[in-house]
Amino acid sequence: MARLRIQELLQEQGKSRYWLFQQLNMSYQSYRRMLENETKSIRKENIEALCQIFGCSPNDLFSLDGEAGNDG
């Protein structure tokens, strides 16, 4: 399962959730769902914005956890 690493990136950079919310142009409900990994999709524009804000690539935003059939 793909998971957004926003919480980890915020912690690594010493930034708050409120700080990030102010940087993004989205509703609080969408923002909260994204942070809590409760969303089924994320807009390309939001991925680009997150990459610019964190100075990272899309690969740094996501991790794969608990894939089916993964023995290791």
PDB file of N, CA and C in Angstrom:
ATOM      1  N   MET A   1       0.842  -1.172   0.000  1.00  0.00           N
ATOM      2  CA  MET A   1       0.000   0.000   0.000  1.00  0.00           C
ATOM      3  C   MET A   1       0.891   1.240   0.000  1.00  0.00           C
ATOM      4  N   ALA A   2       0.598   2.166  -0.880  1.00  0.00           N
ATOM      5  CA  ALA A   2       1.342   3.422  -0.940  1.00  0.00           C
ATOM      6  C   ALA A   2       0.896   4.324   0.210  1.00  0.00           C
ATOM      7  N   ARG A   3       1.872   4.973   0.818  1.00  0.00           N
ATOM      8  CA  ARG A   3       1.600   5.836   1.955  1.00  0.00           C
ATOM      9  C   ARG A   3       2.398   7.119   1.794  1.00  0.00           C
ATOM     10  N   LEU A   4       1.753   8.247   2.067  1.00  0.00           N
ATOM     11  CA  LEU A   4       2.446   9.536   2.041  1.00  0.00           C
ATOM     12  C   LEU A   4       3.300   9.685   3.294  1.00  0.00           C
ATOM     13  N   ARG A   5       4.491  10.221   3.135  1.00  0.00           N
ATOM     14  CA  ARG A   5       5.439  10.384   4.243  1.00  0.00           C
ATOM     15  C   ARG A   5       5.469  11.830   4.749  1.00  0.00           C
ATOM     16  N   ILE A   6       4.387  12.548   4.647  1.00  0.00           N
ATOM     17  CA  ILE A   6       4.376  13.964   4.998  1.00  0.00           C
ATOM     18  C   ILE A   6       4.743  14.194   6.458  1.00  0.00           C
ATOM     19  N   GLN A   7       4.203  13.393   7.351  1.00  0.00           N
ATOM     20  CA  GLN A   7       4.513  13.554   8.779  1.00  0.00           C
ATOM     21  C   GLN A   7       6.019  13.431   9.017  1.00  0.00           C
ATOM     22  N   GLU A   8       6.631  12.435   8.398  1.00  0.00           N
ATOM     23  CA  GLU A   8       8.065  12.215   8.571  1.00  0.00           C
ATOM     24  C   GLU A   8       8.876  13.376   8.010  1.00  0.00           C
ATOM     25  N   LEU A   9       8.475  13.870   6.834  1.00  0.00           N
ATOM     26  CA  LEU A   9       9.190  14.985   6.214  1.00  0.00           C
ATOM     27  C   LEU A   9       9.066  16.250   7.055  1.00  0.00           C
ATOM     28  N   LEU A  10       7.895  16.481   7.619  1.00  0.00           N
ATOM     29  CA  LEU A  10       7.726  17.634   8.508  1.00  0.00           C
ATOM     30  C   LEU A  10       8.664  17.522   9.708  1.00  0.00           C
ATOM     31  N   GLN A  11       8.723  16.358  10.297  1.00  0.00           N
ATOM     32  CA  GLN A  11       9.576  16.144  11.469  1.00  0.00           C
ATOM     33  C   GLN A  11      11.049  16.314  11.112  1.00  0.00           C
ATOM     34  N   GLU A  12      11.465  15.758   9.971  1.00  0.00           N
ATOM     35  CA  GLU A  12      12.855  15.864   9.539  1.00  0.00           C
ATOM     36  C   GLU A  12      13.272  17.316   9.339  1.00  0.00           C
ATOM     37  N   GLN A  13      12.325  18.148   8.863  1.00  0.00           N
ATOM     38  CA  GLN A  13      12.645  19.545   8.570  1.00  0.00           C
ATOM     39  C   GLN A  13      12.254  20.489   9.699  1.00  0.00           C
ATOM     40  N   GLY A  14      11.733  19.953  10.791  1.00  0.00           N
ATOM     41  CA  GLY A  14      11.392  20.776  11.940  1.00  0.00           C
ATOM     42  C   GLY A  14      10.245  21.738  11.680  1.00  0.00           C
ATOM     43  N   LYS A  15       9.307  21.327  10.853  1.00  0.00           N
ATOM     44  CA  LYS A  15       8.148  22.163  10.505  1.00  0.00           C
ATOM     45  C   LYS A  15       6.887  21.577  11.126  1.00  0.00           C
ATOM     46  N   SER A  16       5.881  22.437  11.322  1.00  0.00           N
ATOM     47  CA  SER A  16       4.622  21.996  11.918  1.00  0.00           C
ATOM     48  C   SER A  16       3.587  21.679  10.847  1.00  0.00           C
ATOM     49  N   ARG A  17       2.565  20.948  11.262  1.00  0.00           N
ATOM     50  CA  ARG A  17       1.443  20.651  10.364  1.00  0.00           C
ATOM     51  C   ARG A  17       0.731  21.949   9.958  1.00  0.00           C
ATOM     52  N   TYR A  18       0.610  22.872  10.902  1.00  0.00           N
ATOM     53  CA  TYR A  18      -0.048  24.146  10.607  1.00  0.00           C
ATOM     54  C   TYR A  18       0.759  24.939   9.581  1.00  0.00           C
ATOM     55  N   TRP A  19       2.076  24.927   9.708  1.00  0.00           N
ATOM     56  CA  TRP A  19       2.937  25.617   8.747  1.00  0.00           C
ATOM     57  C   TRP A  19       2.680  25.077   7.337  1.00  0.00           C
ATOM     58  N   LEU A  20       2.627  23.748   7.198  1.00  0.00           N
ATOM     59  CA  LEU A  20       2.407  23.152   5.886  1.00  0.00           C
ATOM     60  C   LEU A  20       1.027  23.503   5.356  1.00  0.00           C
ATOM     61  N   PHE A  21       0.017  23.481   6.220  1.00  0.00           N
ATOM     62  CA  PHE A  21      -1.334  23.838   5.784  1.00  0.00           C
ATOM     63  C   PHE A  21      -1.354  25.240   5.189  1.00  0.00           C
ATOM     64  N   GLN A  22      -0.608  26.158   5.789  1.00  0.00           N
ATOM     65  CA  GLN A  22      -0.561  27.524   5.275  1.00  0.00           C
ATOM     66  C   GLN A  22       0.111  27.603   3.912  1.00  0.00           C
ATOM     67  N   GLN A  23       1.011  26.668   3.603  1.00  0.00           N
ATOM     68  CA  GLN A  23       1.728  26.665   2.332  1.00  0.00           C
ATOM     69  C   GLN A  23       0.871  26.135   1.177  1.00  0.00           C
ATOM     70  N   LEU A  24      -0.091  25.288   1.507  1.00  0.00           N
ATOM     71  CA  LEU A  24      -0.906  24.623   0.481  1.00  0.00           C
ATOM     72  C   LEU A  24      -2.245  25.338   0.320  1.00  0.00           C
ATOM     73  N   ASN A  25      -2.755  25.346  -0.881  1.00  0.00           N
ATOM     74  CA  ASN A  25      -4.046  25.956  -1.165  1.00  0.00           C
ATOM     75  C   ASN A  25      -5.095  24.853  -1.292  1.00  0.00           C
ATOM     76  N   MET A  26      -5.544  24.345  -0.144  1.00  0.00           N
ATOM     77  CA  MET A  26      -6.533  23.271  -0.159  1.00  0.00           C
ATOM     78  C   MET A  26      -7.413  23.387   1.081  1.00  0.00           C
ATOM     79  N   SER A  27      -8.539  22.715   1.052  1.00  0.00           N
ATOM     80  CA  SER A  27      -9.442  22.745   2.206  1.00  0.00           C
ATOM     81  C   SER A  27      -8.804  21.991   3.363  1.00  0.00           C
ATOM     82  N   TYR A  28      -9.213  22.347   4.591  1.00  0.00           N
ATOM     83  CA  TYR A  28      -8.650  21.670   5.758  1.00  0.00           C
ATOM     84  C   TYR A  28      -9.026  20.194   5.751  1.00  0.00           C
ATOM     85  N   GLN A  29     -10.247  19.861   5.313  1.00  0.00           N
ATOM     86  CA  GLN A  29     -10.676  18.464   5.287  1.00  0.00           C
ATOM     87  C   GLN A  29      -9.776  17.636   4.360  1.00  0.00           C
ATOM     88  N   SER A  30      -9.491  18.156   3.181  1.00  0.00           N
ATOM     89  CA  SER A  30      -8.615  17.449   2.246  1.00  0.00           C
ATOM     90  C   SER A  30      -7.205  17.342   2.805  1.00  0.00           C
ATOM     91  N   TYR A  31      -6.733  18.410   3.422  1.00  0.00           N
ATOM     92  CA  TYR A  31      -5.402  18.429   4.018  1.00  0.00           C
ATOM     93  C   TYR A  31      -5.285  17.377   5.122  1.00  0.00           C
ATOM     94  N   ARG A  32      -6.261  17.328   6.008  1.00  0.00           N
ATOM     95  CA  ARG A  32      -6.236  16.369   7.108  1.00  0.00           C
ATOM     96  C   ARG A  32      -6.254  14.940   6.576  1.00  0.00           C
ATOM     97  N   ARG A  33      -7.116  14.668   5.582  1.00  0.00           N
ATOM     98  CA  ARG A  33      -7.176  13.317   5.004  1.00  0.00           C
ATOM     99  C   ARG A  33      -5.832  12.936   4.375  1.00  0.00           C
ATOM    100  N   MET A  34      -5.190  13.894   3.721  1.00  0.00           N
ATOM    101  CA  MET A  34      -3.902  13.627   3.100  1.00  0.00           C
ATOM    102  C   MET A  34      -2.855  13.307   4.170  1.00  0.00           C
ATOM    103  N   LEU A  35      -2.809  14.078   5.239  1.00  0.00           N
ATOM    104  CA  LEU A  35      -1.833  13.850   6.308  1.00  0.00           C
ATOM    105  C   LEU A  35      -2.060  12.524   7.015  1.00  0.00           C
ATOM    106  N   GLU A  36      -3.313  12.141   7.172  1.00  0.00           N
ATOM    107  CA  GLU A  36      -3.653  10.908   7.886  1.00  0.00           C
ATOM    108  C   GLU A  36      -3.695   9.688   6.959  1.00  0.00           C
ATOM    109  N   ASN A  37      -3.294   9.879   5.698  1.00  0.00           N
ATOM    110  CA  ASN A  37      -3.312   8.806   4.695  1.00  0.00           C
ATOM    111  C   ASN A  37      -4.693   8.185   4.566  1.00  0.00           C
ATOM    112  N   GLU A  38      -5.707   9.029   4.571  1.00  0.00           N
ATOM    113  CA  GLU A  38      -7.089   8.574   4.416  1.00  0.00           C
ATOM    114  C   GLU A  38      -7.657   8.935   3.054  1.00  0.00           C
ATOM    115  N   THR A  39      -6.811   9.397   2.142  1.00  0.00           N
ATOM    116  CA  THR A  39      -7.269   9.783   0.821  1.00  0.00           C
ATOM    117  C   THR A  39      -6.961   8.672  -0.181  1.00  0.00           C
ATOM    118  N   LYS A  40      -7.792   8.562  -1.197  1.00  0.00           N
ATOM    119  CA  LYS A  40      -7.584   7.548  -2.226  1.00  0.00           C
ATOM    120  C   LYS A  40      -6.828   8.103  -3.421  1.00  0.00           C
ATOM    121  N   SER A  41      -6.717   9.436  -3.500  1.00  0.00           N
ATOM    122  CA  SER A  41      -5.997  10.048  -4.609  1.00  0.00           C
ATOM    123  C   SER A  41      -5.396  11.373  -4.149  1.00  0.00           C
ATOM    124  N   ILE A  42      -4.415  11.830  -4.905  1.00  0.00           N
ATOM    125  CA  ILE A  42      -3.798  13.115  -4.630  1.00  0.00           C
ATOM    126  C   ILE A  42      -3.546  13.791  -5.975  1.00  0.00           C
ATOM    127  N   ARG A  43      -3.877  15.050  -6.049  1.00  0.00           N
ATOM    128  CA  ARG A  43      -3.737  15.789  -7.304  1.00  0.00           C
ATOM    129  C   ARG A  43      -2.270  16.002  -7.641  1.00  0.00           C
ATOM    130  N   LYS A  44      -1.995  15.971  -8.928  1.00  0.00           N
ATOM    131  CA  LYS A  44      -0.638  16.207  -9.419  1.00  0.00           C
ATOM    132  C   LYS A  44      -0.110  17.546  -8.918  1.00  0.00           C
ATOM    133  N   GLU A  45      -0.954  18.553  -8.905  1.00  0.00           N
ATOM    134  CA  GLU A  45      -0.548  19.880  -8.439  1.00  0.00           C
ATOM    135  C   GLU A  45      -0.100  19.843  -6.975  1.00  0.00           C
ATOM    136  N   ASN A  46      -0.768  19.016  -6.160  1.00  0.00           N
ATOM    137  CA  ASN A  46      -0.399  18.903  -4.755  1.00  0.00           C
ATOM    138  C   ASN A  46       0.923  18.158  -4.589  1.00  0.00           C
ATOM    139  N   ILE A  47       1.153  17.153  -5.419  1.00  0.00           N
ATOM    140  CA  ILE A  47       2.442  16.446  -5.383  1.00  0.00           C
ATOM    141  C   ILE A  47       3.563  17.415  -5.742  1.00  0.00           C
ATOM    142  N   GLU A  48       3.351  18.202  -6.801  1.00  0.00           N
ATOM    143  CA  GLU A  48       4.363  19.181  -7.206  1.00  0.00           C
ATOM    144  C   GLU A  48       4.611  20.209  -6.109  1.00  0.00           C
ATOM    145  N   ALA A  49       3.541  20.700  -5.483  1.00  0.00           N
ATOM    146  CA  ALA A  49       3.682  21.687  -4.409  1.00  0.00           C
ATOM    147  C   ALA A  49       4.445  21.097  -3.231  1.00  0.00           C
ATOM    148  N   LEU A  50       4.117  19.882  -2.838  1.00  0.00           N
ATOM    149  CA  LEU A  50       4.806  19.237  -1.723  1.00  0.00           C
ATOM    150  C   LEU A  50       6.292  19.046  -2.035  1.00  0.00           C
ATOM    151  N   CYS A  51       6.606  18.670  -3.264  1.00  0.00           N
ATOM    152  CA  CYS A  51       8.003  18.494  -3.656  1.00  0.00           C
ATOM    153  C   CYS A  51       8.757  19.820  -3.575  1.00  0.00           C
ATOM    154  N   GLN A  52       8.135  20.903  -4.008  1.00  0.00           N
ATOM    155  CA  GLN A  52       8.784  22.213  -3.924  1.00  0.00           C
ATOM    156  C   GLN A  52       8.960  22.648  -2.475  1.00  0.00           C
ATOM    157  N   ILE A  53       7.940  22.460  -1.677  1.00  0.00           N
ATOM    158  CA  ILE A  53       7.986  22.866  -0.267  1.00  0.00           C
ATOM    159  C   ILE A  53       9.070  22.108   0.488  1.00  0.00           C
ATOM    160  N   PHE A  54       9.140  20.800   0.272  1.00  0.00           N
ATOM    161  CA  PHE A  54      10.093  19.970   1.006  1.00  0.00           C
ATOM    162  C   PHE A  54      11.448  19.857   0.307  1.00  0.00           C
ATOM    163  N   GLY A  55      11.545  20.343  -0.936  1.00  0.00           N
ATOM    164  CA  GLY A  55      12.797  20.218  -1.679  1.00  0.00           C
ATOM    165  C   GLY A  55      13.151  18.772  -1.936  1.00  0.00           C
ATOM    166  N   CYS A  56      12.151  18.002  -2.384  1.00  0.00           N
ATOM    167  CA  CYS A  56      12.363  16.569  -2.584  1.00  0.00           C
ATOM    168  C   CYS A  56      11.741  16.123  -3.904  1.00  0.00           C
ATOM    169  N   SER A  57      11.889  14.857  -4.207  1.00  0.00           N
ATOM    170  CA  SER A  57      11.271  14.272  -5.401  1.00  0.00           C
ATOM    171  C   SER A  57       9.998  13.535  -4.988  1.00  0.00           C
ATOM    172  N   PRO A  58       9.136  13.202  -5.945  1.00  0.00           N
ATOM    173  CA  PRO A  58       7.935  12.420  -5.606  1.00  0.00           C
ATOM    174  C   PRO A  58       8.278  11.099  -4.922  1.00  0.00           C
ATOM    175  N   ASN A  59       9.416  10.505  -5.260  1.00  0.00           N
ATOM    176  CA  ASN A  59       9.820   9.247  -4.605  1.00  0.00           C
ATOM    177  C   ASN A  59      10.001   9.435  -3.109  1.00  0.00           C
ATOM    178  N   ASP A  60      10.412  10.638  -2.686  1.00  0.00           N
ATOM    179  CA  ASP A  60      10.611  10.903  -1.261  1.00  0.00           C
ATOM    180  C   ASP A  60       9.285  11.090  -0.518  1.00  0.00           C
ATOM    181  N   LEU A  61       8.220  11.398  -1.248  1.00  0.00           N
ATOM    182  CA  LEU A  61       6.911  11.644  -0.625  1.00  0.00           C
ATOM    183  C   LEU A  61       6.174  10.360  -0.272  1.00  0.00           C
ATOM    184  N   PHE A  62       6.498   9.267  -0.957  1.00  0.00           N
ATOM    185  CA  PHE A  62       5.748   8.036  -0.804  1.00  0.00           C
ATOM    186  C   PHE A  62       6.615   6.887  -0.294  1.00  0.00           C
ATOM    187  N   SER A  63       5.984   5.984   0.425  1.00  0.00           N
ATOM    188  CA  SER A  63       6.623   4.715   0.774  1.00  0.00           C
ATOM    189  C   SER A  63       5.604   3.616   0.509  1.00  0.00           C
ATOM    190  N   LEU A  64       6.101   2.428   0.286  1.00  0.00           N
ATOM    191  CA  LEU A  64       5.230   1.273   0.067  1.00  0.00           C
ATOM    192  C   LEU A  64       5.292   0.402   1.301  1.00  0.00           C
ATOM    193  N   ASP A  65       4.153   0.227   1.947  1.00  0.00           N
ATOM    194  CA  ASP A  65       4.071  -0.554   3.186  1.00  0.00           C
ATOM    195  C   ASP A  65       3.089  -1.708   2.995  1.00  0.00           C
ATOM    196  N   GLY A  66       3.459  -2.865   3.510  1.00  0.00           N
ATOM    197  CA  GLY A  66       2.550  -3.997   3.556  1.00  0.00           C
ATOM    198  C   GLY A  66       2.029  -4.483   2.233  1.00  0.00           C
ATOM    199  N   GLU A  67       2.905  -4.577   1.233  1.00  0.00           N
ATOM    200  CA  GLU A  67       2.459  -5.067  -0.063  1.00  0.00           C
ATOM    201  C   GLU A  67       2.051  -6.528   0.038  1.00  0.00           C
ATOM    202  N   ALA A  68       0.971  -6.889  -0.639  1.00  0.00           N
ATOM    203  CA  ALA A  68       0.518  -8.285  -0.675  1.00  0.00           C
ATOM    204  C   ALA A  68       1.583  -9.142  -1.351  1.00  0.00           C
ATOM    205  N   GLY A  69       1.848 -10.280  -0.768  1.00  0.00           N
ATOM    206  CA  GLY A  69       2.821 -11.189  -1.351  1.00  0.00           C
ATOM    207  C   GLY A  69       4.256 -10.836  -1.028  1.00  0.00           C
ATOM    208  N   ASN A  70       4.482  -9.833  -0.220  1.00  0.00           N
ATOM    209  CA  ASN A  70       5.836  -9.434   0.134  1.00  0.00           C
ATOM    210  C   ASN A  70       6.276 -10.238   1.359  1.00  0.00           C
ATOM    211  N   ASP A  71       7.239 -11.129   1.169  1.00  0.00           N
ATOM    212  CA  ASP A  71       7.698 -11.991   2.256  1.00  0.00           C
ATOM    213  C   ASP A  71       8.800 -11.363   3.090  1.00  0.00           C
ATOM    214  N   GLY A  72       9.363 -10.247   2.670  1.00  0.00           N
ATOM    215  CA  GLY A  72      10.512  -9.756   3.378  1.00  0.00           C
ATOM    216  C   GLY A  72      10.348  -8.416   3.874  1.00  0.00           C
TER     217      GLY A  72
END
